[in-house]
PDB file of all heavy atoms in Angstrom:
ATOM      1  N   LEU A   1     -50.924 -22.367  -7.807  1.00  0.00           N
ATOM      2  CA  LEU A   1     -50.583 -21.385  -8.844  1.00  0.00           C
ATOM      3  C   LEU A   1     -51.542 -20.199  -8.823  1.00  0.00           C
ATOM      4  O   LEU A   1     -51.139 -19.069  -9.089  1.00  0.00           O
ATOM      5  CB  LEU A   1     -50.591 -22.023 -10.231  1.00  0.00           C
ATOM      6  CG  LEU A   1     -49.292 -22.623 -10.760  1.00  0.00           C
ATOM      7  CD1 LEU A   1     -49.388 -22.847 -12.263  1.00  0.00           C
ATOM      8  CD2 LEU A   1     -48.067 -21.780 -10.435  1.00  0.00           C
ATOM      9  N   PHE A   2     -52.807 -20.450  -8.501  1.00  0.00           N
ATOM     10  CA  PHE A   2     -53.748 -19.336  -8.347  1.00  0.00           C
ATOM     11  C   PHE A   2     -53.324 -18.463  -7.166  1.00  0.00           C
ATOM     12  O   PHE A   2     -53.367 -17.237  -7.242  1.00  0.00           O
ATOM     13  CB  PHE A   2     -55.169 -19.877  -8.138  1.00  0.00           C
ATOM     14  CG  PHE A   2     -55.867 -20.238  -9.412  1.00  0.00           C
ATOM     15  CD1 PHE A   2     -55.613 -21.448 -10.049  1.00  0.00           C
ATOM     16  CD2 PHE A   2     -56.777 -19.374  -9.988  1.00  0.00           C
ATOM     17  CE1 PHE A   2     -56.259 -21.781 -11.232  1.00  0.00           C
ATOM     18  CE2 PHE A   2     -57.430 -19.697 -11.172  1.00  0.00           C
ATOM     19  CZ  PHE A   2     -57.168 -20.902 -11.792  1.00  0.00           C
ATOM     20  N   ARG A   3     -52.930 -19.105  -6.079  1.00  0.00           N
ATOM     21  CA  ARG A   3     -52.451 -18.344  -4.927  1.00  0.00           C
ATOM     22  C   ARG A   3     -51.230 -17.520  -5.300  1.00  0.00           C
ATOM     23  O   ARG A   3     -51.128 -16.329  -4.963  1.00  0.00           O
ATOM     24  CB  ARG A   3     -52.091 -19.311  -3.788  1.00  0.00           C
ATOM     25  CG  ARG A   3     -51.705 -18.615  -2.478  1.00  0.00           C
ATOM     26  CD  ARG A   3     -51.179 -19.601  -1.458  1.00  0.00           C
ATOM     27  NE  ARG A   3     -49.844 -20.058  -1.796  1.00  0.00           N
ATOM     28  CZ  ARG A   3     -49.485 -21.340  -1.878  1.00  0.00           C
ATOM     29  NH1 ARG A   3     -50.366 -22.300  -1.685  1.00  0.00           N
ATOM     30  NH2 ARG A   3     -48.241 -21.667  -2.193  1.00  0.00           N
ATOM     31  N   ALA A   4     -50.301 -18.129  -6.037  1.00  0.00           N
ATOM     32  CA  ALA A   4     -49.091 -17.422  -6.454  1.00  0.00           C
ATOM     33  C   ALA A   4     -49.424 -16.224  -7.342  1.00  0.00           C
ATOM     34  O   ALA A   4     -48.763 -15.187  -7.266  1.00  0.00           O
ATOM     35  CB  ALA A   4     -48.152 -18.371  -7.191  1.00  0.00           C
ATOM     36  N   ALA A   5     -50.446 -16.361  -8.182  1.00  0.00           N
ATOM     37  CA  ALA A   5     -50.832 -15.261  -9.071  1.00  0.00           C
ATOM     38  C   ALA A   5     -51.222 -14.031  -8.266  1.00  0.00           C
ATOM     39  O   ALA A   5     -50.760 -12.908  -8.539  1.00  0.00           O
ATOM     40  CB  ALA A   5     -51.988 -15.694  -9.971  1.00  0.00           C
ATOM     41  N   LEU A   6     -52.060 -14.220  -7.259  1.00  0.00           N
ATOM     42  CA  LEU A   6     -52.497 -13.082  -6.449  1.00  0.00           C
ATOM     43  C   LEU A   6     -51.374 -12.573  -5.553  1.00  0.00           C
ATOM     44  O   LEU A   6     -51.256 -11.370  -5.318  1.00  0.00           O
ATOM     45  CB  LEU A   6     -53.740 -13.454  -5.618  1.00  0.00           C
ATOM     46  CG  LEU A   6     -55.063 -13.213  -6.370  1.00  0.00           C
ATOM     47  CD1 LEU A   6     -55.265 -14.251  -7.476  1.00  0.00           C
ATOM     48  CD2 LEU A   6     -56.251 -13.243  -5.423  1.00  0.00           C
ATOM     49  N   GLU A   7     -50.540 -13.479  -5.075  1.00  0.00           N
ATOM     50  CA  GLU A   7     -49.414 -13.051  -4.247  1.00  0.00           C
ATOM     51  C   GLU A   7     -48.430 -12.210  -5.042  1.00  0.00           C
ATOM     52  O   GLU A   7     -47.957 -11.165  -4.577  1.00  0.00           O
ATOM     53  CB  GLU A   7     -48.707 -14.282  -3.659  1.00  0.00           C
ATOM     54  CG  GLU A   7     -49.508 -14.998  -2.577  1.00  0.00           C
ATOM     55  CD  GLU A   7     -48.812 -16.217  -2.025  1.00  0.00           C
ATOM     56  OE1 GLU A   7     -47.800 -16.655  -2.626  1.00  0.00           O
ATOM     57  OE2 GLU A   7     -49.274 -16.749  -1.004  1.00  0.00           O
ATOM     58  N   MET A   8     -48.109 -12.631  -6.266  1.00  0.00           N
ATOM     59  CA  MET A   8     -47.168 -11.853  -7.078  1.00  0.00           C
ATOM     60  C   MET A   8     -47.770 -10.516  -7.484  1.00  0.00           C
ATOM     61  O   MET A   8     -47.071  -9.499  -7.516  1.00  0.00           O
ATOM     62  CB  MET A   8     -46.730 -12.664  -8.303  1.00  0.00           C
ATOM     63  CG  MET A   8     -45.849 -13.845  -7.959  1.00  0.00           C
ATOM     64  SD  MET A   8     -45.004 -14.575  -9.396  1.00  0.00           S
ATOM     65  CE  MET A   8     -46.400 -15.204 -10.340  1.00  0.00           C
ATOM     66  N   GLY A   9     -49.068 -10.505  -7.801  1.00  0.00           N
ATOM     67  CA  GLY A   9     -49.718  -9.233  -8.099  1.00  0.00           C
ATOM     68  C   GLY A   9     -49.677  -8.270  -6.933  1.00  0.00           C
ATOM     69  O   GLY A   9     -49.564  -7.047  -7.117  1.00  0.00           O
ATOM     70  N   THR A  10     -49.742  -8.823  -5.741  1.00  0.00           N
ATOM     71  CA  THR A  10     -49.653  -8.009  -4.525  1.00  0.00           C
ATOM     72  C   THR A  10     -48.231  -7.482  -4.324  1.00  0.00           C
ATOM     73  O   THR A  10     -48.026  -6.304  -3.992  1.00  0.00           O
ATOM     74  CB  THR A  10     -50.093  -8.829  -3.302  1.00  0.00           C
ATOM     75  OG1 THR A  10     -51.414  -9.337  -3.527  1.00  0.00           O
ATOM     76  CG2 THR A  10     -50.095  -7.988  -2.038  1.00  0.00           C
ATOM     77  N   ILE A  11     -47.246  -8.339  -4.558  1.00  0.00           N
ATOM     78  CA  ILE A  11     -45.843  -7.950  -4.388  1.00  0.00           C
ATOM     79  C   ILE A  11     -45.452  -6.824  -5.329  1.00  0.00           C
ATOM     80  O   ILE A  11     -44.795  -5.850  -4.920  1.00  0.00           O
ATOM     81  CB  ILE A  11     -44.914  -9.168  -4.598  1.00  0.00           C
ATOM     82  CG1 ILE A  11     -45.027 -10.135  -3.418  1.00  0.00           C
ATOM     83  CG2 ILE A  11     -43.462  -8.729  -4.795  1.00  0.00           C
ATOM     84  CD1 ILE A  11     -44.547  -9.590  -2.096  1.00  0.00           C
ATOM     85  N   VAL A  12     -45.844  -6.916  -6.604  1.00  0.00           N
ATOM     86  CA  VAL A  12     -45.438  -5.874  -7.546  1.00  0.00           C
ATOM     87  C   VAL A  12     -46.132  -4.547  -7.257  1.00  0.00           C
ATOM     88  O   VAL A  12     -45.742  -3.511  -7.802  1.00  0.00           O
ATOM     89  CB  VAL A  12     -45.675  -6.284  -9.021  1.00  0.00           C
ATOM     90  CG1 VAL A  12     -44.938  -7.564  -9.347  1.00  0.00           C
ATOM     91  CG2 VAL A  12     -47.158  -6.427  -9.336  1.00  0.00           C
ATOM     92  N   SER A  13     -47.127  -4.577  -6.378  1.00  0.00           N
ATOM     93  CA  SER A  13     -47.799  -3.348  -5.952  1.00  0.00           C
ATOM     94  C   SER A  13     -47.079  -2.678  -4.791  1.00  0.00           C
ATOM     95  O   SER A  13     -47.509  -1.618  -4.327  1.00  0.00           O
ATOM     96  CB  SER A  13     -49.240  -3.664  -5.534  1.00  0.00           C
ATOM     97  OG  SER A  13     -49.928  -4.347  -6.559  1.00  0.00           O
ATOM     98  N   GLY A  14     -46.005  -3.305  -4.319  1.00  0.00           N
ATOM     99  CA  GLY A  14     -45.238  -2.716  -3.225  1.00  0.00           C
ATOM    100  C   GLY A  14     -45.722  -3.120  -1.845  1.00  0.00           C
ATOM    101  O   GLY A  14     -45.327  -2.514  -0.842  1.00  0.00           O
ATOM    102  N   ILE A  15     -46.563  -4.141  -1.752  1.00  0.00           N
ATOM    103  CA  ILE A  15     -47.097  -4.596  -0.463  1.00  0.00           C
ATOM    104  C   ILE A  15     -46.192  -5.687   0.100  1.00  0.00           C
ATOM    105  O   ILE A  15     -45.783  -6.607  -0.610  1.00  0.00           O
ATOM    106  CB  ILE A  15     -48.544  -5.095  -0.627  1.00  0.00           C
ATOM    107  CG1 ILE A  15     -49.438  -3.924  -1.042  1.00  0.00           C
ATOM    108  CG2 ILE A  15     -49.063  -5.747   0.650  1.00  0.00           C
ATOM    109  CD1 ILE A  15     -50.847  -4.316  -1.408  1.00  0.00           C
ATOM    110  N   ASP A  16     -45.901  -5.615   1.378  1.00  0.00           N
ATOM    111  CA  ASP A  16     -44.967  -6.520   2.032  1.00  0.00           C
ATOM    112  C   ASP A  16     -45.555  -7.919   2.184  1.00  0.00           C
ATOM    113  O   ASP A  16     -46.754  -8.082   2.424  1.00  0.00           O
ATOM    114  CB  ASP A  16     -44.610  -5.971   3.422  1.00  0.00           C
ATOM    115  CG  ASP A  16     -43.479  -6.746   4.057  1.00  0.00           C
ATOM    116  OD1 ASP A  16     -42.311  -6.412   3.793  1.00  0.00           O
ATOM    117  OD2 ASP A  16     -43.764  -7.689   4.815  1.00  0.00           O
ATOM    118  N   ARG A  17     -44.690  -8.938   2.087  1.00  0.00           N
ATOM    119  CA  ARG A  17     -45.140 -10.330   2.215  1.00  0.00           C
ATOM    120  C   ARG A  17     -45.650 -10.664   3.608  1.00  0.00           C
ATOM    121  O   ARG A  17     -46.385 -11.650   3.786  1.00  0.00           O
ATOM    122  CB  ARG A  17     -44.006 -11.297   1.869  1.00  0.00           C
ATOM    123  CG  ARG A  17     -43.661 -11.356   0.408  1.00  0.00           C
ATOM    124  CD  ARG A  17     -42.561 -12.360   0.122  1.00  0.00           C
ATOM    125  NE  ARG A  17     -43.026 -13.737   0.240  1.00  0.00           N
ATOM    126  CZ  ARG A  17     -42.266 -14.796   0.004  1.00  0.00           C
ATOM    127  NH1 ARG A  17     -40.985 -14.626  -0.339  1.00  0.00           N
ATOM    128  NH2 ARG A  17     -42.752 -16.017   0.122  1.00  0.00           N
ATOM    129  N   ASN A  18     -45.284  -9.876   4.595  1.00  0.00           N
ATOM    130  CA  ASN A  18     -45.721 -10.137   5.973  1.00  0.00           C
ATOM    131  C   ASN A  18     -46.989  -9.377   6.358  1.00  0.00           C
ATOM    132  O   ASN A  18     -47.445  -9.476   7.491  1.00  0.00           O
ATOM    133  CB  ASN A  18     -44.601  -9.775   6.954  1.00  0.00           C
ATOM    134  CG  ASN A  18     -43.368 -10.641   6.766  1.00  0.00           C
ATOM    135  OD1 ASN A  18     -43.481 -11.851   6.601  1.00  0.00           O
ATOM    136  ND2 ASN A  18     -42.204 -10.031   6.772  1.00  0.00           N
ATOM    137  N   SER A  19     -47.558  -8.652   5.420  1.00  0.00           N
ATOM    138  CA  SER A  19     -48.725  -7.820   5.726  1.00  0.00           C
ATOM    139  C   SER A  19     -50.019  -8.626   5.717  1.00  0.00           C
ATOM    140  O   SER A  19     -50.110  -9.706   5.128  1.00  0.00           O
ATOM    141  CB  SER A  19     -48.834  -6.681   4.708  1.00  0.00           C
ATOM    142  OG  SER A  19     -49.159  -7.203   3.430  1.00  0.00           O
ATOM    143  N   LYS A  20     -51.044  -8.068   6.345  1.00  0.00           N
ATOM    144  CA  LYS A  20     -52.367  -8.691   6.349  1.00  0.00           C
ATOM    145  C   LYS A  20     -52.964  -8.688   4.943  1.00  0.00           C
ATOM    146  O   LYS A  20     -53.700  -9.612   4.572  1.00  0.00           O
ATOM    147  CB  LYS A  20     -53.289  -7.957   7.320  1.00  0.00           C
ATOM    148  CG  LYS A  20     -52.939  -8.170   8.785  1.00  0.00           C
ATOM    149  CD  LYS A  20     -53.935  -7.469   9.701  1.00  0.00           C
ATOM    150  CE  LYS A  20     -53.589  -7.702  11.166  1.00  0.00           C
ATOM    151  NZ  LYS A  20     -54.544  -7.006  12.076  1.00  0.00           N
ATOM    152  N   GLN A  21     -52.660  -7.649   4.173  1.00  0.00           N
ATOM    153  CA  GLN A  21     -53.153  -7.583   2.806  1.00  0.00           C
ATOM    154  C   GLN A  21     -52.632  -8.757   1.981  1.00  0.00           C
ATOM    155  O   GLN A  21     -53.375  -9.394   1.217  1.00  0.00           O
ATOM    156  CB  GLN A  21     -52.711  -6.267   2.141  1.00  0.00           C
ATOM    157  CG  GLN A  21     -53.272  -5.016   2.783  1.00  0.00           C
ATOM    158  CD  GLN A  21     -54.705  -4.734   2.331  1.00  0.00           C
ATOM    159  OE1 GLN A  21     -55.628  -5.418   2.741  1.00  0.00           O
ATOM    160  NE2 GLN A  21     -54.869  -3.739   1.493  1.00  0.00           N
ATOM    161  N   PHE A  22     -51.341  -9.038   2.141  1.00  0.00           N
ATOM    162  CA  PHE A  22     -50.735 -10.149   1.402  1.00  0.00           C
ATOM    163  C   PHE A  22     -51.380 -11.469   1.812  1.00  0.00           C
ATOM    164  O   PHE A  22     -51.720 -12.298   0.960  1.00  0.00           O
ATOM    165  CB  PHE A  22     -49.229 -10.192   1.664  1.00  0.00           C
ATOM    166  CG  PHE A  22     -48.512 -11.288   0.923  1.00  0.00           C
ATOM    167  CD1 PHE A  22     -48.012 -11.061  -0.352  1.00  0.00           C
ATOM    168  CD2 PHE A  22     -48.352 -12.545   1.494  1.00  0.00           C
ATOM    169  CE1 PHE A  22     -47.349 -12.074  -1.039  1.00  0.00           C
ATOM    170  CE2 PHE A  22     -47.703 -13.567   0.805  1.00  0.00           C
ATOM    171  CZ  PHE A  22     -47.192 -13.324  -0.466  1.00  0.00           C
ATOM    172  N   GLN A  23     -51.550 -11.683   3.107  1.00  0.00           N
ATOM    173  CA  GLN A  23     -52.149 -12.923   3.589  1.00  0.00           C
ATOM    174  C   GLN A  23     -53.577 -13.083   3.094  1.00  0.00           C
ATOM    175  O   GLN A  23     -54.016 -14.186   2.750  1.00  0.00           O
ATOM    176  CB  GLN A  23     -52.107 -12.959   5.120  1.00  0.00           C
ATOM    177  CG  GLN A  23     -50.704 -12.977   5.717  1.00  0.00           C
ATOM    178  CD  GLN A  23     -49.862 -14.139   5.201  1.00  0.00           C
ATOM    179  OE1 GLN A  23     -50.354 -15.240   5.034  1.00  0.00           O
ATOM    180  NE2 GLN A  23     -48.589 -13.879   4.946  1.00  0.00           N
ATOM    181  N   ALA A  24     -54.311 -11.984   3.049  1.00  0.00           N
ATOM    182  CA  ALA A  24     -55.693 -12.030   2.562  1.00  0.00           C
ATOM    183  C   ALA A  24     -55.724 -12.441   1.088  1.00  0.00           C
ATOM    184  O   ALA A  24     -56.506 -13.323   0.698  1.00  0.00           O
ATOM    185  CB  ALA A  24     -56.366 -10.672   2.746  1.00  0.00           C
ATOM    186  N   MET A  25     -54.875 -11.839   0.272  1.00  0.00           N
ATOM    187  CA  MET A  25     -54.863 -12.165  -1.144  1.00  0.00           C
ATOM    188  C   MET A  25     -54.386 -13.594  -1.386  1.00  0.00           C
ATOM    189  O   MET A  25     -54.845 -14.268  -2.314  1.00  0.00           O
ATOM    190  CB  MET A  25     -53.995 -11.170  -1.912  1.00  0.00           C
ATOM    191  CG  MET A  25     -54.521  -9.737  -1.886  1.00  0.00           C
ATOM    192  SD  MET A  25     -56.235  -9.576  -2.445  1.00  0.00           S
ATOM    193  CE  MET A  25     -56.058  -9.926  -4.196  1.00  0.00           C
ATOM    194  N   SER A  26     -53.481 -14.070  -0.543  1.00  0.00           N
ATOM    195  CA  SER A  26     -53.040 -15.459  -0.628  1.00  0.00           C
ATOM    196  C   SER A  26     -54.211 -16.410  -0.416  1.00  0.00           C
ATOM    197  O   SER A  26     -54.404 -17.383  -1.155  1.00  0.00           O
ATOM    198  CB  SER A  26     -51.948 -15.714   0.421  1.00  0.00           C
ATOM    199  OG  SER A  26     -51.498 -17.046   0.371  1.00  0.00           O
ATOM    200  N   SER A  27     -55.024 -16.121   0.596  1.00  0.00           N
ATOM    201  CA  SER A  27     -56.201 -16.931   0.886  1.00  0.00           C
ATOM    202  C   SER A  27     -57.206 -16.885  -0.260  1.00  0.00           C
ATOM    203  O   SER A  27     -57.784 -17.906  -0.656  1.00  0.00           O
ATOM    204  CB  SER A  27     -56.863 -16.450   2.177  1.00  0.00           C
ATOM    205  OG  SER A  27     -58.108 -17.082   2.388  1.00  0.00           O
TER     206      SER A  27
END
């Protein structure tokens, strides 16, 4: 759920799920 929190925050910023930024925030 913590991972999902940062992933969703990244998504609503317009960042693609396949990007390095998204993967970094997931980690």
